[in-house]
Amino acid sequence: TNYHDDVEGRFTISRNNAENTVAL
């Protein structure tokens, strides 16, 4: 994962390949 400096530490991106979803 990589984040914009302004959201680092506050936002988390994740993905579920079984469900074809990406979350924030």
PDB file of all heavy atoms in Angstrom:
ATOM      1  N   THR A   1       0.818  -1.213   0.000  1.00  0.00           N
ATOM      2  CA  THR A   1       0.000   0.000   0.000  1.00  0.00           C
ATOM      3  C   THR A   1       0.852   1.264   0.000  1.00  0.00           C
ATOM      4  O   THR A   1       1.982   1.265   0.503  1.00  0.00           O
ATOM      5  CB  THR A   1      -0.938   0.030   1.215  1.00  0.00           C
ATOM      6  OG1 THR A   1      -0.159  -0.059   2.412  1.00  0.00           O
ATOM      7  CG2 THR A   1      -1.925  -1.118   1.171  1.00  0.00           C
ATOM      8  N   ASN A   2       0.279   2.308  -0.550  1.00  0.00           N
ATOM      9  CA  ASN A   2       0.902   3.630  -0.532  1.00  0.00           C
ATOM     10  C   ASN A   2      -0.193   4.658  -0.310  1.00  0.00           C
ATOM     11  O   ASN A   2      -1.328   4.472  -0.769  1.00  0.00           O
ATOM     12  CB  ASN A   2       1.613   3.924  -1.853  1.00  0.00           C
ATOM     13  CG  ASN A   2       2.799   3.024  -2.077  1.00  0.00           C
ATOM     14  OD1 ASN A   2       3.837   3.192  -1.459  1.00  0.00           O
ATOM     15  ND2 ASN A   2       2.640   2.044  -2.940  1.00  0.00           N
ATOM     16  N   TYR A   3       0.151   5.747   0.365  1.00  0.00           N
ATOM     17  CA  TYR A   3      -0.838   6.758   0.718  1.00  0.00           C
ATOM     18  C   TYR A   3      -0.345   8.161   0.419  1.00  0.00           C
ATOM     19  O   TYR A   3       0.855   8.445   0.491  1.00  0.00           O
ATOM     20  CB  TYR A   3      -1.169   6.665   2.218  1.00  0.00           C
ATOM     21  CG  TYR A   3      -1.779   5.356   2.627  1.00  0.00           C
ATOM     22  CD1 TYR A   3      -0.970   4.315   3.086  1.00  0.00           C
ATOM     23  CD2 TYR A   3      -3.142   5.141   2.533  1.00  0.00           C
ATOM     24  CE1 TYR A   3      -1.524   3.094   3.446  1.00  0.00           C
ATOM     25  CE2 TYR A   3      -3.707   3.919   2.891  1.00  0.00           C
ATOM     26  CZ  TYR A   3      -2.880   2.903   3.343  1.00  0.00           C
ATOM     27  OH  TYR A   3      -3.433   1.685   3.692  1.00  0.00           O
ATOM     28  N   HIS A   4      -1.292   9.026   0.104  1.00  0.00           N
ATOM     29  CA  HIS A   4      -0.997  10.446   0.027  1.00  0.00           C
ATOM     30  C   HIS A   4      -0.532  10.894   1.410  1.00  0.00           C
ATOM     31  O   HIS A   4      -1.049  10.430   2.432  1.00  0.00           O
ATOM     32  CB  HIS A   4      -2.271  11.194  -0.394  1.00  0.00           C
ATOM     33  CG  HIS A   4      -2.065  12.627  -0.731  1.00  0.00           C
ATOM     34  ND1 HIS A   4      -1.772  13.589   0.208  1.00  0.00           N
ATOM     35  CD2 HIS A   4      -2.124  13.284  -1.923  1.00  0.00           C
ATOM     36  CE1 HIS A   4      -1.651  14.762  -0.371  1.00  0.00           C
ATOM     37  NE2 HIS A   4      -1.864  14.600  -1.674  1.00  0.00           N
ATOM     38  N   ASP A   5       0.410  11.805   1.417  1.00  0.00           N
ATOM     39  CA  ASP A   5       0.963  12.268   2.697  1.00  0.00           C
ATOM     40  C   ASP A   5      -0.135  12.787   3.634  1.00  0.00           C
ATOM     41  O   ASP A   5      -0.054  12.627   4.857  1.00  0.00           O
ATOM     42  CB  ASP A   5       1.987  13.379   2.464  1.00  0.00           C
ATOM     43  CG  ASP A   5       3.297  12.852   1.910  1.00  0.00           C
ATOM     44  OD1 ASP A   5       3.500  11.621   1.942  1.00  0.00           O
ATOM     45  OD2 ASP A   5       4.113  13.670   1.454  1.00  0.00           O
ATOM     46  N   ASP A   6      -1.156  13.417   3.069  1.00  0.00           N
ATOM     47  CA  ASP A   6      -2.192  14.039   3.894  1.00  0.00           C
ATOM     48  C   ASP A   6      -3.080  13.024   4.613  1.00  0.00           C
ATOM     49  O   ASP A   6      -3.799  13.380   5.551  1.00  0.00           O
ATOM     50  CB  ASP A   6      -3.075  14.956   3.047  1.00  0.00           C
ATOM     51  CG  ASP A   6      -2.347  16.200   2.577  1.00  0.00           C
ATOM     52  OD1 ASP A   6      -1.232  16.458   3.071  1.00  0.00           O
ATOM     53  OD2 ASP A   6      -2.887  16.904   1.697  1.00  0.00           O
ATOM     54  N   VAL A   7      -3.066  11.759   4.176  1.00  0.00           N
ATOM     55  CA  VAL A   7      -3.945  10.762   4.797  1.00  0.00           C
ATOM     56  C   VAL A   7      -3.167   9.646   5.470  1.00  0.00           C
ATOM     57  O   VAL A   7      -3.760   8.769   6.110  1.00  0.00           O
ATOM     58  CB  VAL A   7      -4.936  10.163   3.778  1.00  0.00           C
ATOM     59  CG1 VAL A   7      -5.676  11.274   3.036  1.00  0.00           C
ATOM     60  CG2 VAL A   7      -4.253   9.225   2.803  1.00  0.00           C
ATOM     61  N   GLU A   8      -1.857   9.662   5.318  1.00  0.00           N
ATOM     62  CA  GLU A   8      -1.015   8.631   5.930  1.00  0.00           C
ATOM     63  C   GLU A   8      -1.301   8.539   7.426  1.00  0.00           C
ATOM     64  O   GLU A   8      -1.330   9.541   8.132  1.00  0.00           O
ATOM     65  CB  GLU A   8       0.461   8.987   5.698  1.00  0.00           C
ATOM     66  CG  GLU A   8       1.441   7.977   6.270  1.00  0.00           C
ATOM     67  CD  GLU A   8       1.638   6.778   5.373  1.00  0.00           C
ATOM     68  OE1 GLU A   8       1.903   6.975   4.185  1.00  0.00           O
ATOM     69  OE2 GLU A   8       1.541   5.647   5.877  1.00  0.00           O
ATOM     70  N   GLY A   9      -1.552   7.320   7.888  1.00  0.00           N
ATOM     71  CA  GLY A   9      -1.820   7.118   9.307  1.00  0.00           C
ATOM     72  C   GLY A   9      -3.285   7.263   9.695  1.00  0.00           C
ATOM     73  O   GLY A   9      -3.673   6.891  10.805  1.00  0.00           O
ATOM     74  N   ARG A  10      -4.088   7.786   8.804  1.00  0.00           N
ATOM     75  CA  ARG A  10      -5.532   7.953   9.090  1.00  0.00           C
ATOM     76  C   ARG A  10      -6.391   7.043   8.223  1.00  0.00           C
ATOM     77  O   ARG A  10      -7.458   6.601   8.662  1.00  0.00           O
ATOM     78  CB  ARG A  10      -5.945   9.411   8.861  1.00  0.00           C
ATOM     79  CG  ARG A  10      -5.225  10.411   9.731  1.00  0.00           C
ATOM     80  CD  ARG A  10      -5.836  11.812   9.593  1.00  0.00           C
ATOM     81  NE  ARG A  10      -5.710  12.360   8.251  1.00  0.00           N
ATOM     82  CZ  ARG A  10      -6.738  12.734   7.492  1.00  0.00           C
ATOM     83  NH1 ARG A  10      -7.984  12.613   7.949  1.00  0.00           N
ATOM     84  NH2 ARG A  10      -6.529  13.232   6.288  1.00  0.00           N
ATOM     85  N   PHE A  11      -5.966   6.810   6.997  1.00  0.00           N
ATOM     86  CA  PHE A  11      -6.732   6.006   6.047  1.00  0.00           C
ATOM     87  C   PHE A  11      -6.033   4.667   5.842  1.00  0.00           C
ATOM     88  O   PHE A  11      -4.800   4.582   5.881  1.00  0.00           O
ATOM     89  CB  PHE A  11      -6.823   6.712   4.693  1.00  0.00           C
ATOM     90  CG  PHE A  11      -7.689   7.945   4.660  1.00  0.00           C
ATOM     91  CD1 PHE A  11      -8.179   8.530   5.818  1.00  0.00           C
ATOM     92  CD2 PHE A  11      -8.019   8.526   3.443  1.00  0.00           C
ATOM     93  CE1 PHE A  11      -8.959   9.673   5.778  1.00  0.00           C
ATOM     94  CE2 PHE A  11      -8.808   9.662   3.372  1.00  0.00           C
ATOM     95  CZ  PHE A  11      -9.270  10.234   4.532  1.00  0.00           C
ATOM     96  N   THR A  12      -6.843   3.644   5.576  1.00  0.00           N
ATOM     97  CA  THR A  12      -6.315   2.312   5.273  1.00  0.00           C
ATOM     98  C   THR A  12      -7.051   1.740   4.079  1.00  0.00           C
ATOM     99  O   THR A  12      -8.280   1.642   4.098  1.00  0.00           O
ATOM    100  CB  THR A  12      -6.475   1.366   6.470  1.00  0.00           C
ATOM    101  OG1 THR A  12      -5.815   1.916   7.620  1.00  0.00           O
ATOM    102  CG2 THR A  12      -5.862   0.007   6.152  1.00  0.00           C
ATOM    103  N   ILE A  13      -6.296   1.363   3.060  1.00  0.00           N
ATOM    104  CA  ILE A  13      -6.882   0.722   1.878  1.00  0.00           C
ATOM    105  C   ILE A  13      -6.707  -0.784   2.006  1.00  0.00           C
ATOM    106  O   ILE A  13      -5.678  -1.263   2.512  1.00  0.00           O
ATOM    107  CB  ILE A  13      -6.230   1.261   0.582  1.00  0.00           C
ATOM    108  CG1 ILE A  13      -6.967   0.742  -0.650  1.00  0.00           C
ATOM    109  CG2 ILE A  13      -4.741   0.938   0.535  1.00  0.00           C
ATOM    110  CD1 ILE A  13      -6.503   1.392  -1.958  1.00  0.00           C
ATOM    111  N   SER A  14      -7.716  -1.518   1.559  1.00  0.00           N
ATOM    112  CA  SER A  14      -7.638  -2.977   1.587  1.00  0.00           C
ATOM    113  C   SER A  14      -8.399  -3.523   0.395  1.00  0.00           C
ATOM    114  O   SER A  14      -9.223  -2.824  -0.204  1.00  0.00           O
ATOM    115  CB  SER A  14      -8.206  -3.522   2.902  1.00  0.00           C
ATOM    116  OG  SER A  14      -9.564  -3.157   3.047  1.00  0.00           O
ATOM    117  N   ARG A  15      -8.142  -4.772   0.075  1.00  0.00           N
ATOM    118  CA  ARG A  15      -8.830  -5.392  -1.059  1.00  0.00           C
ATOM    119  C   ARG A  15      -9.245  -6.797  -0.696  1.00  0.00           C
ATOM    120  O   ARG A  15      -8.589  -7.465   0.131  1.00  0.00           O
ATOM    121  CB  ARG A  15      -7.934  -5.380  -2.296  1.00  0.00           C
ATOM    122  CG  ARG A  15      -6.698  -6.237  -2.202  1.00  0.00           C
ATOM    123  CD  ARG A  15      -5.784  -6.010  -3.430  1.00  0.00           C
ATOM    124  NE  ARG A  15      -6.452  -6.398  -4.668  1.00  0.00           N
ATOM    125  CZ  ARG A  15      -6.084  -5.937  -5.871  1.00  0.00           C
ATOM    126  NH1 ARG A  15      -5.073  -5.078  -5.984  1.00  0.00           N
ATOM    127  NH2 ARG A  15      -6.732  -6.343  -6.949  1.00  0.00           N
ATOM    128  N   ASN A  16     -10.309  -7.257  -1.338  1.00  0.00           N
ATOM    129  CA  ASN A  16     -10.794  -8.628  -1.178  1.00  0.00           C
ATOM    130  C   ASN A  16     -10.947  -9.198  -2.578  1.00  0.00           C
ATOM    131  O   ASN A  16     -11.930  -8.913  -3.275  1.00  0.00           O
ATOM    132  CB  ASN A  16     -12.121  -8.635  -0.416  1.00  0.00           C
ATOM    133  CG  ASN A  16     -12.617 -10.036  -0.126  1.00  0.00           C
ATOM    134  OD1 ASN A  16     -12.409 -10.966  -0.901  1.00  0.00           O
ATOM    135  ND2 ASN A  16     -13.285 -10.192   1.000  1.00  0.00           N
ATOM    136  N   ASN A  17      -9.982  -9.979  -3.000  1.00  0.00           N
ATOM    137  CA  ASN A  17     -10.008 -10.507  -4.363  1.00  0.00           C
ATOM    138  C   ASN A  17     -11.119 -11.534  -4.567  1.00  0.00           C
ATOM    139  O   ASN A  17     -11.586 -11.717  -5.685  1.00  0.00           O
ATOM    140  CB  ASN A  17      -8.655 -11.119  -4.710  1.00  0.00           C
ATOM    141  CG  ASN A  17      -7.571 -10.073  -4.877  1.00  0.00           C
ATOM    142  OD1 ASN A  17      -7.855  -8.897  -5.117  1.00  0.00           O
ATOM    143  ND2 ASN A  17      -6.322 -10.493  -4.732  1.00  0.00           N
ATOM    144  N   ALA A  18     -11.534 -12.186  -3.517  1.00  0.00           N
ATOM    145  CA  ALA A  18     -12.617 -13.168  -3.636  1.00  0.00           C
ATOM    146  C   ALA A  18     -13.953 -12.488  -3.927  1.00  0.00           C
ATOM    147  O   ALA A  18     -14.828 -13.071  -4.578  1.00  0.00           O
ATOM    148  CB  ALA A  18     -12.717 -13.986  -2.364  1.00  0.00           C
ATOM    149  N   GLU A  19     -14.094 -11.241  -3.429  1.00  0.00           N
ATOM    150  CA  GLU A  19     -15.351 -10.519  -3.615  1.00  0.00           C
ATOM    151  C   GLU A  19     -15.231  -9.386  -4.626  1.00  0.00           C
ATOM    152  O   GLU A  19     -16.195  -8.674  -4.878  1.00  0.00           O
ATOM    153  CB  GLU A  19     -15.838  -9.977  -2.273  1.00  0.00           C
ATOM    154  CG  GLU A  19     -16.185 -11.069  -1.270  1.00  0.00           C
ATOM    155  CD  GLU A  19     -16.763 -10.516   0.021  1.00  0.00           C
ATOM    156  OE1 GLU A  19     -16.803  -9.277   0.184  1.00  0.00           O
ATOM    157  OE2 GLU A  19     -17.162 -11.330   0.877  1.00  0.00           O
ATOM    158  N   ASN A  20     -14.044  -9.219  -5.191  1.00  0.00           N
ATOM    159  CA  ASN A  20     -13.808  -8.137  -6.162  1.00  0.00           C
ATOM    160  C   ASN A  20     -14.143  -6.763  -5.586  1.00  0.00           C
ATOM    161  O   ASN A  20     -14.836  -5.952  -6.215  1.00  0.00           O
ATOM    162  CB  ASN A  20     -14.607  -8.357  -7.447  1.00  0.00           C
ATOM    163  CG  ASN A  20     -14.046  -9.486  -8.298  1.00  0.00           C
ATOM    164  OD1 ASN A  20     -13.071 -10.143  -7.909  1.00  0.00           O
ATOM    165  ND2 ASN A  20     -14.672  -9.747  -9.431  1.00  0.00           N
ATOM    166  N   THR A  21     -13.679  -6.525  -4.371  1.00  0.00           N
ATOM    167  CA  THR A  21     -13.940  -5.237  -3.732  1.00  0.00           C
ATOM    168  C   THR A  21     -12.651  -4.620  -3.202  1.00  0.00           C
ATOM    169  O   THR A  21     -11.691  -5.322  -2.864  1.00  0.00           O
ATOM    170  CB  THR A  21     -14.927  -5.373  -2.564  1.00  0.00           C
ATOM    171  OG1 THR A  21     -14.407  -6.309  -1.615  1.00  0.00           O
ATOM    172  CG2 THR A  21     -16.292  -5.835  -3.039  1.00  0.00           C
ATOM    173  N   VAL A  22     -12.661  -3.307  -3.147  1.00  0.00           N
ATOM    174  CA  VAL A  22     -11.577  -2.562  -2.521  1.00  0.00           C
ATOM    175  C   VAL A  22     -12.217  -1.561  -1.568  1.00  0.00           C
ATOM    176  O   VAL A  22     -13.233  -0.941  -1.900  1.00  0.00           O
ATOM    177  CB  VAL A  22     -10.670  -1.875  -3.564  1.00  0.00           C
ATOM    178  CG1 VAL A  22     -11.439  -0.949  -4.457  1.00  0.00           C
ATOM    179  CG2 VAL A  22      -9.520  -1.151  -2.887  1.00  0.00           C
ATOM    180  N   ALA A  23     -11.677  -1.454  -0.387  1.00  0.00           N
ATOM    181  CA  ALA A  23     -12.256  -0.603   0.651  1.00  0.00           C
ATOM    182  C   ALA A  23     -11.276   0.474   1.081  1.00  0.00           C
ATOM    183  O   ALA A  23     -10.061   0.346   0.889  1.00  0.00           O
ATOM    184  CB  ALA A  23     -12.659  -1.447   1.853  1.00  0.00           C
ATOM    185  N   LEU A  24     -11.832   1.536   1.653  1.00  0.00           N
ATOM    186  CA  LEU A  24     -11.016   2.599   2.213  1.00  0.00           C
ATOM    187  C   LEU A  24     -11.590   2.947   3.581  1.00  0.00           C
ATOM    188  O   LEU A  24     -12.689   3.507   3.669  1.00  0.00           O
ATOM    189  CB  LEU A  24     -11.005   3.836   1.325  1.00  0.00           C
ATOM    190  CG  LEU A  24     -10.067   4.951   1.770  1.00  0.00           C
ATOM    191  CD1 LEU A  24      -8.605   4.514   1.626  1.00  0.00           C
ATOM    192  CD2 LEU A  24     -10.312   6.230   0.968  1.00  0.00           C
TER     193      LEU A  24
END
